[in-house]
């Protein structure tokens, strides 16, 4: 961190997505300049300097970077802004943790799975389904299947189909969410809505696993909200993964061309195996560093900030200190999905301040805000996210029940909106 003092960073996006990034950069002694086409924003309010150049204006960003003599360009977890970070950094001759070619390999689910097969990593079975597939062929598929855009994010455009009759509408939804106009159809792994995720920090092409967690989707029964409902770490699958998959995955990441920064891979555990289905080459929207730093000694956001200003990511010394035992603690994140409606009243959030184990709380909606139908099934459905660290599973269960019983969100007609709650029996 000492080497970062006095460095200058151009941050794309003045919204809350960049807020923690700017806070951490300033704590590291980095001078921050936040830009987008808005006059104000929560990240702009705390920045050292602001600008009004659109994050999509690559020429404008390059000019701004040169005028302000910045050492690097970066953004929060927004995939749109990160693509612009990569392009603008290349044009301005500034350091960046990746190239557009490598980014596209990671972002495209189809390409990613082809690498999985090449390196002997299990991935979800696929079906050849497009808008031109005859109904007679759709009838031959073993359902359920899941349809999604190959280049989608934030759970947009995803549908689980239980029969051939549901496929046309699901295809339309998936195509609408795909910029490339390509979709992927996979066997829907029926495992109770559980996702295994592993995170790697990279340094000069070498990958170091530093975090594994289990996530439970919010609605595994009706499958209308295939978004995260609860996350628990360490994962129950960690030992299996390290013994059977880690070596091949490290080889695969190197083969894909990943050099520096952080990457995460999501998969579906089922019948004694783990099936990969997608990855991301960026920081997560869940601000996982608030769990990884106290549990595994890896502050991935600060490492990425170092990388952004040309000071490298993880060092050999830091890699040697990664602790996958979590010091016998448990990391937790509780998400709170909402129903459609306009928020009229919020109760019980004061309880969060009274719990010492809470390390972070993010609230995305306030009174007067409207949850629209279009965000159902995407991360925009979440009311908030509570991150906490406990010493025992018993305390974990106690806090889940307390948060879910006391935090209540009502619409303007007095109907409760946070009805979709995590069932602790799913552990």
Protein backbone atom coordinates (compact mmCIF):
# COMPACT_ATOMS: atom_id res chain seq x y z
CA UNK A 1 0.00 0.00 0.00
CA UNK A 2 2.90 2.36 0.68
CA UNK A 3 3.78 2.33 -3.02
CA UNK A 4 0.27 3.59 -3.88
CA UNK A 5 0.45 6.85 -1.92
CA UNK A 6 0.25 9.80 -4.24
CA UNK A 7 -0.93 7.73 -7.21
CA UNK A 8 -3.84 9.15 -9.20
CA UNK A 9 -6.81 7.00 -10.21
CA UNK A 10 -9.65 7.75 -12.62
CA UNK A 11 -12.77 5.94 -11.39
CA UNK A 12 -15.61 5.29 -13.84
CA UNK A 13 -19.07 5.72 -12.32
CA UNK A 14 -20.25 7.97 -9.51
CA UNK A 15 -22.98 5.67 -8.16
CA UNK A 16 -22.93 3.41 -5.10
CA UNK A 17 -21.27 0.69 -7.21
CA UNK A 18 -18.00 2.63 -6.90
CA UNK A 19 -18.45 3.88 -3.34
CA UNK A 20 -16.37 1.21 -1.56
CA UNK A 21 -13.77 1.44 -4.30
CA UNK A 22 -13.28 5.17 -3.75
CA UNK A 23 -13.25 4.74 0.03
CA UNK A 24 -10.54 2.09 -0.15
CA UNK A 25 -8.49 4.00 -2.70
CA UNK A 26 -8.47 7.09 -0.49
CA UNK A 27 -7.52 4.96 2.54
CA UNK A 28 -4.53 3.72 0.51
CA UNK A 29 -3.43 7.29 -0.23
CA UNK A 30 -4.61 7.21 -3.85
CA UNK A 31 -5.94 10.49 -5.29
CA UNK A 32 -9.36 9.75 -6.81
CA UNK A 33 -11.08 11.41 -9.77
CA UNK A 34 -14.63 10.11 -10.35
CA UNK A 35 -16.34 10.62 -13.68
CA UNK A 36 -19.65 9.93 -15.40
CA UNK A 37 -22.21 12.13 -17.16
CA UNK A 38 -24.05 13.01 -13.93
CA UNK A 39 -23.41 16.16 -11.95
CA UNK A 40 -23.58 14.37 -8.59
CA UNK A 41 -23.41 10.87 -7.13
CA UNK A 42 -22.52 9.24 -3.81
CA UNK A 43 -19.04 8.30 -5.05
CA UNK A 44 -18.47 11.78 -6.46
CA UNK A 45 -19.36 13.29 -3.10
CA UNK A 46 -16.34 11.68 -1.42
CA UNK A 47 -13.88 11.82 -4.34
CA UNK A 48 -10.90 14.16 -4.38
CA UNK A 49 -11.99 15.45 -7.75
CA UNK A 50 -14.86 14.89 -10.21
CA UNK A 51 -15.52 15.18 -13.94
CA UNK A 52 -18.53 14.91 -16.27
CA UNK A 53 -17.21 12.68 -19.02
CA UNK A 54 -19.46 9.73 -19.87
CA UNK A 55 -18.01 6.34 -18.97
CA UNK A 56 -18.93 5.24 -22.51
CA UNK A 57 -16.90 8.02 -24.16
CA UNK A 58 -13.56 6.26 -24.66
CA UNK A 59 -11.92 9.19 -26.47
CA UNK A 60 -13.13 11.54 -23.76
CA UNK A 61 -11.84 9.24 -21.00
CA UNK A 62 -8.42 8.98 -22.65
CA UNK A 63 -8.23 12.75 -22.98
CA UNK A 64 -9.31 13.18 -19.33
CA UNK A 65 -6.76 10.62 -18.14
CA UNK A 66 -3.95 12.45 -19.92
CA UNK A 67 -5.09 15.89 -18.75
CA UNK A 68 -5.32 14.79 -15.12
CA UNK A 69 -2.09 12.75 -15.37
CA UNK A 70 -3.61 9.65 -13.82
CA UNK A 71 -1.67 6.45 -13.13
CA UNK A 72 -4.61 4.17 -13.86
CA UNK A 73 -8.31 3.77 -14.62
CA UNK A 74 -10.70 1.48 -12.74
CA UNK A 75 -14.34 1.01 -11.71
CA UNK A 76 -16.55 -0.96 -9.36
CA UNK A 77 -18.10 -4.31 -10.39
CA UNK A 78 -20.15 -2.87 -13.28
CA UNK A 79 -19.35 -5.02 -16.32
CA UNK A 80 -20.28 -2.15 -18.63
CA UNK A 81 -17.82 0.21 -16.94
CA UNK A 82 -15.10 -2.43 -16.67
CA UNK A 83 -15.20 -2.99 -20.42
CA UNK A 84 -14.65 0.74 -20.80
CA UNK A 85 -11.82 0.61 -18.25
CA UNK A 86 -10.07 -2.02 -20.39
CA UNK A 87 -10.56 -0.07 -23.63
CA UNK A 88 -9.60 3.33 -22.21
CA UNK A 89 -6.53 1.94 -20.40
CA UNK A 90 -5.27 0.35 -23.61
CA UNK A 91 -5.83 3.56 -25.60
CA UNK A 92 -4.13 5.70 -22.93
CA UNK A 93 -1.20 3.30 -22.43
CA UNK A 94 -2.10 2.77 -18.77
CA UNK A 95 -1.86 -0.46 -16.75
CA UNK A 96 -4.84 -2.82 -16.62
CA UNK A 97 -5.27 -6.25 -15.06
CA UNK A 98 -6.59 -7.77 -18.29
CA UNK A 99 -7.17 -7.30 -22.01
CA UNK A 100 -10.46 -7.26 -23.90
CA UNK A 101 -9.65 -10.59 -25.54
CA UNK A 102 -9.23 -12.35 -22.18
CA UNK A 103 -12.22 -10.55 -20.68
CA UNK A 104 -14.44 -11.78 -23.51
CA UNK A 105 -13.28 -15.37 -23.00
CA UNK A 106 -14.37 -15.17 -19.36
CA UNK A 107 -17.63 -13.31 -19.98
CA UNK A 108 -18.91 -15.64 -22.72
CA UNK A 109 -20.44 -18.69 -21.02
CA UNK A 110 -20.11 -20.80 -24.16
CA UNK A 111 -16.40 -20.05 -24.62
CA UNK A 112 -15.74 -20.55 -20.90
CA UNK A 113 -17.31 -24.00 -20.96
CA UNK A 114 -15.26 -24.98 -24.00
CA UNK A 115 -12.14 -24.28 -21.92
CA UNK A 116 -13.58 -26.37 -19.09
CA UNK A 117 -13.93 -29.33 -21.42
CA UNK A 118 -10.43 -28.81 -22.81
CA UNK A 119 -8.85 -28.90 -19.35
CA UNK A 120 -10.91 -31.75 -17.92
CA UNK A 121 -13.13 -29.66 -15.67
CA UNK A 122 -16.73 -30.84 -15.25
CA UNK A 123 -19.34 -28.43 -16.60
CA UNK A 124 -23.11 -28.51 -17.03
CA UNK A 125 -24.42 -30.53 -20.04
CA UNK A 126 -25.79 -28.44 -22.93
CA UNK A 127 -28.56 -28.72 -25.52
CA UNK A 128 -28.67 -27.28 -29.02
CA UNK A 129 -31.60 -24.91 -28.71
CA UNK A 130 -32.19 -21.74 -30.74
CA UNK A 131 -35.20 -19.77 -31.96
CA UNK A 132 -35.11 -21.92 -35.10
CA UNK A 133 -35.26 -25.28 -33.28
CA UNK A 134 -38.42 -27.16 -34.41
CA UNK A 135 -41.04 -27.94 -31.77
CA UNK A 136 -40.58 -31.64 -32.52
CA UNK A 137 -36.92 -31.40 -31.46
CA UNK A 138 -37.77 -29.44 -28.32
CA UNK A 139 -40.07 -32.29 -27.27
CA UNK A 140 -37.12 -34.71 -27.28
CA UNK A 141 -35.17 -32.78 -24.63
CA UNK A 142 -35.02 -34.05 -21.05
CA UNK A 143 -36.49 -31.28 -18.89
CA UNK A 144 -36.03 -29.12 -16.87
CA UNK A 145 -33.49 -27.00 -18.73
CA UNK A 146 -32.22 -23.49 -18.08
CA UNK A 147 -31.98 -20.87 -20.85
CA UNK A 148 -29.77 -17.79 -20.56
CA UNK A 149 -27.74 -15.35 -22.68
CA UNK A 150 -24.11 -16.38 -23.19
CA UNK A 151 -23.01 -12.85 -22.28
CA UNK A 152 -25.54 -11.99 -19.59
CA UNK A 153 -24.92 -10.69 -16.08
CA UNK A 154 -26.87 -9.89 -12.89
CA UNK A 155 -29.10 -12.93 -13.55
CA UNK A 156 -30.87 -11.13 -16.41
CA UNK A 157 -32.58 -13.17 -19.13
CA UNK A 158 -32.57 -16.46 -17.23
CA UNK A 159 -35.53 -18.89 -17.26
CA UNK A 160 -35.98 -22.47 -16.12
CA UNK A 161 -38.23 -24.43 -18.49
CA UNK A 162 -40.11 -27.50 -17.28
CA UNK A 163 -41.51 -28.37 -20.72
CA UNK A 164 -41.14 -27.63 -24.43
CA UNK A 165 -44.10 -25.27 -24.34
CA UNK A 166 -42.18 -22.86 -22.07
CA UNK A 167 -39.13 -22.62 -24.35
CA UNK A 168 -40.33 -19.99 -26.91
CA UNK A 169 -41.02 -17.35 -24.24
CA UNK A 170 -37.77 -18.19 -22.45
CA UNK A 171 -35.83 -17.84 -25.69
CA UNK A 172 -37.34 -14.43 -26.33
CA UNK A 173 -36.33 -13.31 -22.83
CA UNK A 174 -32.78 -14.67 -23.17
CA UNK A 175 -32.22 -13.15 -26.63
CA UNK A 176 -33.48 -9.79 -25.38
CA UNK A 177 -30.84 -9.81 -22.62
CA UNK A 178 -27.97 -10.81 -24.93
CA UNK A 179 -25.95 -8.11 -26.69
CA UNK A 180 -24.37 -10.75 -28.93
CA UNK A 181 -27.70 -12.34 -29.80
CA UNK A 182 -26.54 -15.74 -28.55
CA UNK A 183 -28.04 -17.95 -25.86
CA UNK A 184 -27.12 -21.17 -24.11
CA UNK A 185 -29.39 -24.03 -23.02
CA UNK A 186 -28.21 -26.28 -20.21
CA UNK A 187 -29.56 -29.15 -18.18
CA UNK A 188 -31.06 -27.64 -15.03
CA UNK A 189 -29.22 -29.26 -12.15
CA UNK A 190 -31.81 -30.02 -9.48
CA UNK A 191 -29.86 -29.72 -6.26
CA UNK A 192 -32.20 -27.60 -4.15
CA UNK A 193 -30.92 -24.32 -5.55
CA UNK A 194 -27.35 -24.52 -4.25
CA UNK A 195 -24.32 -22.85 -5.89
CA UNK A 196 -20.65 -23.45 -5.10
CA UNK A 197 -18.29 -20.54 -5.83
CA UNK A 198 -14.51 -20.36 -5.77
CA UNK A 199 -12.38 -17.24 -6.05
CA UNK A 200 -8.79 -16.93 -7.27
CA UNK A 201 -6.30 -14.08 -7.00
CA UNK A 202 -3.79 -13.98 -9.86
CA UNK A 203 -0.21 -12.78 -10.08
CA UNK A 204 1.77 -12.99 -13.32
CA UNK A 205 -0.37 -15.89 -14.54
CA UNK A 206 -0.24 -17.91 -11.31
CA UNK A 207 -3.62 -18.41 -9.60
CA UNK A 208 -4.15 -18.70 -5.84
CA UNK A 209 -7.49 -19.94 -4.44
CA UNK A 210 -8.53 -17.75 -1.52
CA UNK A 211 -12.27 -18.17 -0.93
CA UNK A 212 -14.91 -20.88 -1.38
CA UNK A 213 -18.55 -20.44 -0.43
CA UNK A 214 -22.00 -21.95 -0.81
CA UNK A 215 -24.87 -19.80 -2.06
CA UNK A 216 -28.54 -20.73 -1.90
CA UNK A 217 -30.83 -19.26 -4.56
CA UNK A 218 -33.81 -17.35 -3.23
CA UNK A 219 -36.56 -19.38 -4.91
CA UNK A 220 -35.59 -22.96 -5.83
CA UNK A 221 -39.22 -24.11 -5.82
CA UNK A 222 -40.98 -21.78 -8.28
CA UNK A 223 -37.68 -20.77 -9.95
CA UNK A 224 -38.83 -17.23 -10.62
CA UNK A 225 -36.06 -15.69 -8.48
CA UNK A 226 -32.85 -17.56 -9.30
CA UNK A 227 -30.82 -14.96 -7.43
CA UNK A 228 -28.81 -15.35 -4.26
CA UNK A 229 -30.79 -15.61 -1.06
CA UNK A 230 -28.04 -16.61 1.36
CA UNK A 231 -24.28 -17.22 1.27
CA UNK A 232 -22.28 -19.32 3.73
CA UNK A 233 -18.51 -19.84 3.99
CA UNK A 234 -16.48 -21.99 4.30
CA UNK A 235 -18.06 -24.24 1.71
CA UNK A 236 -18.93 -27.82 2.53
CA UNK A 237 -17.35 -28.72 -0.82
CA UNK A 238 -13.94 -27.15 -0.21
CA UNK A 239 -12.06 -30.40 0.48
CA UNK A 240 -13.50 -32.13 -2.61
CA UNK A 241 -12.71 -29.12 -4.79
CA UNK A 242 -9.10 -28.76 -3.65
CA UNK A 243 -8.44 -32.48 -4.07
CA UNK A 244 -10.18 -33.03 -7.41
CA UNK A 245 -10.46 -29.75 -9.33
CA UNK A 246 -8.11 -26.98 -8.17
CA UNK A 247 -5.05 -28.17 -10.13
CA UNK A 248 -6.91 -28.38 -13.45
CA UNK A 249 -8.65 -25.06 -12.86
CA UNK A 250 -5.36 -23.29 -12.25
CA UNK A 251 -4.05 -24.74 -15.51
CA UNK A 252 -7.22 -23.63 -17.26
CA UNK A 253 -7.01 -20.03 -16.02
CA UNK A 254 -3.43 -19.83 -17.25
CA UNK A 255 -4.46 -21.36 -20.58
CA UNK A 256 -7.20 -18.75 -20.95
CA UNK A 257 -4.60 -16.02 -20.57
CA UNK A 258 -5.52 -14.62 -17.15
CA UNK A 259 -2.53 -12.76 -15.72
CA UNK A 260 -3.49 -10.61 -12.74
CA UNK A 261 -6.52 -9.54 -10.71
CA UNK A 262 -9.31 -11.62 -9.27
CA UNK A 263 -11.62 -14.20 -10.86
CA UNK A 264 -14.58 -16.14 -9.54
CA UNK A 265 -16.24 -19.28 -10.87
CA UNK A 266 -19.78 -20.42 -10.10
CA UNK A 267 -20.84 -24.05 -10.21
CA UNK A 268 -23.58 -26.49 -9.29
CA UNK A 269 -22.79 -29.33 -6.87
CA UNK A 270 -24.84 -32.47 -7.52
CA UNK A 271 -24.46 -36.23 -6.92
CA UNK A 272 -20.89 -36.01 -5.71
CA UNK A 273 -19.62 -33.74 -8.50
CA UNK A 274 -19.24 -30.01 -9.10
CA UNK A 275 -20.38 -28.69 -12.49
CA UNK A 276 -18.96 -25.32 -13.60
CA UNK A 277 -21.30 -23.07 -15.57
CA UNK A 278 -19.93 -19.51 -15.58
CA UNK A 279 -17.19 -17.21 -14.38
CA UNK A 280 -16.40 -13.55 -13.86
CA UNK A 281 -13.07 -11.76 -14.09
CA UNK A 282 -13.73 -8.86 -11.74
CA UNK A 283 -14.64 -7.84 -8.22
CA UNK A 284 -18.03 -9.08 -7.10
CA UNK A 285 -21.08 -6.93 -6.55
CA UNK A 286 -21.42 -8.44 -3.08
CA UNK A 287 -18.23 -6.77 -1.88
CA UNK A 288 -16.84 -10.13 -0.76
CA UNK A 289 -13.66 -8.45 0.49
CA UNK A 290 -15.59 -7.65 3.65
CA UNK A 291 -15.54 -11.41 4.33
CA UNK A 292 -12.27 -12.42 2.70
CA UNK A 293 -10.03 -9.97 4.55
CA UNK A 294 -10.98 -11.04 8.10
CA UNK A 295 -11.33 -14.71 7.16
CA UNK A 296 -8.54 -15.44 4.66
CA UNK A 297 -6.19 -12.42 4.83
CA UNK A 298 -7.02 -11.37 1.25
CA UNK A 299 -8.41 -7.87 0.62
CA UNK A 300 -9.10 -8.38 -3.07
CA UNK A 301 -10.41 -4.85 -3.66
CA UNK A 302 -7.19 -3.22 -2.43
CA UNK A 303 -5.14 -5.71 -4.42
CA UNK A 304 -7.11 -4.78 -7.53
CA UNK A 305 -6.61 -1.08 -6.79
CA UNK A 306 -2.86 -1.65 -6.53
CA UNK A 307 -2.98 -3.40 -9.88
CA UNK A 308 -4.94 -0.52 -11.41
CA UNK A 309 -2.18 1.99 -10.62
CA UNK A 310 0.63 -0.31 -11.79
CA UNK A 311 1.76 -1.76 -8.46
CA UNK A 312 0.84 -5.41 -9.05
CA UNK A 313 -1.86 -7.47 -7.32
CA UNK A 314 -1.06 -10.17 -4.76
CA UNK A 315 2.55 -10.61 -3.64
CA UNK A 316 4.24 -13.94 -2.93
CA UNK A 317 4.29 -13.10 0.76
CA UNK A 318 0.55 -12.33 0.76
CA UNK A 319 -0.19 -15.52 -1.17
CA UNK A 320 1.70 -17.55 1.43
CA UNK A 321 -0.53 -16.12 4.18
CA UNK A 322 -3.87 -17.15 2.60
CA UNK A 323 -5.82 -19.05 5.26
CA UNK A 324 -8.55 -21.34 3.91
CA UNK A 325 -9.44 -22.53 7.44
CA UNK A 326 -11.13 -19.18 8.21
CA UNK A 327 -9.79 -19.34 11.79
CA UNK A 328 -12.80 -21.58 12.57
CA UNK A 329 -15.18 -18.71 11.86
CA UNK A 330 -18.20 -18.59 9.53
CA UNK A 331 -18.80 -15.88 6.95
CA UNK A 332 -22.41 -15.09 6.07
CA UNK A 333 -24.43 -12.88 3.74
CA UNK A 334 -28.21 -12.63 3.97
CA UNK A 335 -30.04 -11.11 1.01
CA UNK A 336 -33.65 -9.90 1.19
CA UNK A 337 -35.63 -10.18 -2.08
CA UNK A 338 -38.74 -8.03 -2.51
CA UNK A 339 -42.08 -8.45 -4.24
CA UNK A 340 -43.29 -5.95 -6.83
CA UNK A 341 -44.65 -2.70 -5.39
CA UNK A 342 -43.87 0.76 -4.04
CA UNK A 343 -42.31 0.84 -0.58
CA UNK A 344 -44.47 2.60 1.97
CA UNK A 345 -42.85 1.57 5.25
CA UNK A 346 -39.64 -0.09 6.47
CA UNK A 347 -39.32 -1.56 9.96
CA UNK A 348 -36.65 -3.28 12.02
CA UNK A 349 -33.42 -2.26 10.30
CA UNK A 350 -32.20 -0.72 13.57
CA UNK A 351 -31.55 -4.26 14.82
CA UNK A 352 -28.58 -4.47 12.44
CA UNK A 353 -26.66 -1.79 14.35
CA UNK A 354 -27.13 -3.73 17.58
CA UNK A 355 -25.47 -6.92 16.34
CA UNK A 356 -21.67 -6.84 16.84
CA UNK A 357 -21.08 -9.64 14.33
CA UNK A 358 -22.37 -7.49 11.43
CA UNK A 359 -19.46 -6.20 9.33
CA UNK A 360 -21.48 -4.54 6.57
CA UNK A 361 -25.03 -3.63 5.57
CA UNK A 362 -26.09 -2.43 2.12
CA UNK A 363 -29.66 -1.20 1.54
CA UNK A 364 -30.66 -0.66 -2.08
CA UNK A 365 -34.25 0.61 -1.64
CA UNK A 366 -35.87 3.26 0.54
CA UNK A 367 -39.42 4.46 1.25
CA UNK A 368 -41.00 5.74 -1.95
CA UNK A 369 -38.91 3.52 -4.25
CA UNK A 370 -40.70 1.12 -6.60
CA UNK A 371 -39.72 -2.50 -7.27
CA UNK A 372 -40.76 -3.14 -10.86
CA UNK A 373 -41.67 -6.46 -12.43
CA UNK A 374 -38.69 -6.22 -14.78
CA UNK A 375 -36.20 -6.63 -11.90
CA UNK A 376 -37.78 -9.79 -10.51
CA UNK A 377 -35.27 -12.58 -10.95
CA UNK A 378 -32.33 -10.15 -11.14
CA UNK A 379 -30.11 -8.64 -8.45
CA UNK A 380 -32.30 -5.54 -8.63
CA UNK A 381 -34.91 -7.48 -6.65
CA UNK A 382 -32.83 -7.34 -3.46
CA UNK A 383 -33.84 -4.90 -0.73
CA UNK A 384 -30.48 -5.22 0.98
CA UNK A 385 -27.54 -7.40 1.97
CA UNK A 386 -26.31 -8.09 5.52
CA UNK A 387 -22.75 -9.40 5.90
CA UNK A 388 -21.80 -10.94 9.24
CA UNK A 389 -19.15 -13.23 10.77
CA UNK A 390 -19.96 -15.63 13.59
CA UNK A 391 -18.15 -18.22 15.74
CA UNK A 392 -20.74 -20.99 15.49
CA UNK A 393 -23.47 -22.41 13.29
CA UNK A 394 -25.94 -21.97 16.16
CA UNK A 395 -25.29 -18.22 16.25
CA UNK A 396 -25.59 -18.10 12.46
CA UNK A 397 -29.08 -19.64 12.61
CA UNK A 398 -30.08 -17.32 15.44
CA UNK A 399 -29.14 -14.19 13.49
CA UNK A 400 -30.79 -15.34 10.26
CA UNK A 401 -34.07 -15.88 12.10
CA UNK A 402 -33.76 -12.59 13.98
CA UNK A 403 -33.06 -10.51 10.87
CA UNK A 404 -35.83 -12.12 8.85
CA UNK A 405 -38.45 -11.80 11.58
CA UNK A 406 -37.70 -8.20 12.56
CA UNK A 407 -36.84 -6.51 9.24
CA UNK A 408 -40.11 -5.87 7.44
CA UNK A 409 -40.79 -3.97 4.23
CA UNK A 410 -44.37 -2.96 3.39
CA UNK A 411 -45.88 -1.48 0.26
CA UNK A 412 -48.15 1.57 0.20
CA UNK A 413 -51.18 -0.69 0.77
CA UNK A 414 -49.66 -2.21 3.91
CA UNK A 415 -48.77 -5.57 2.35
CA UNK A 416 -45.44 -7.09 3.27
CA UNK A 417 -42.94 -7.11 0.39
CA UNK A 418 -40.07 -9.25 1.77
CA UNK A 419 -42.00 -12.52 1.86
CA UNK A 420 -39.37 -14.65 0.13
CA UNK A 421 -37.21 -15.66 3.09
CA UNK A 422 -34.34 -18.08 3.49
CA UNK A 423 -35.32 -21.41 5.02
CA UNK A 424 -32.57 -22.52 7.44
CA UNK A 425 -33.65 -26.13 6.91
CA UNK A 426 -31.86 -25.93 3.55
CA UNK A 427 -28.43 -26.19 5.23
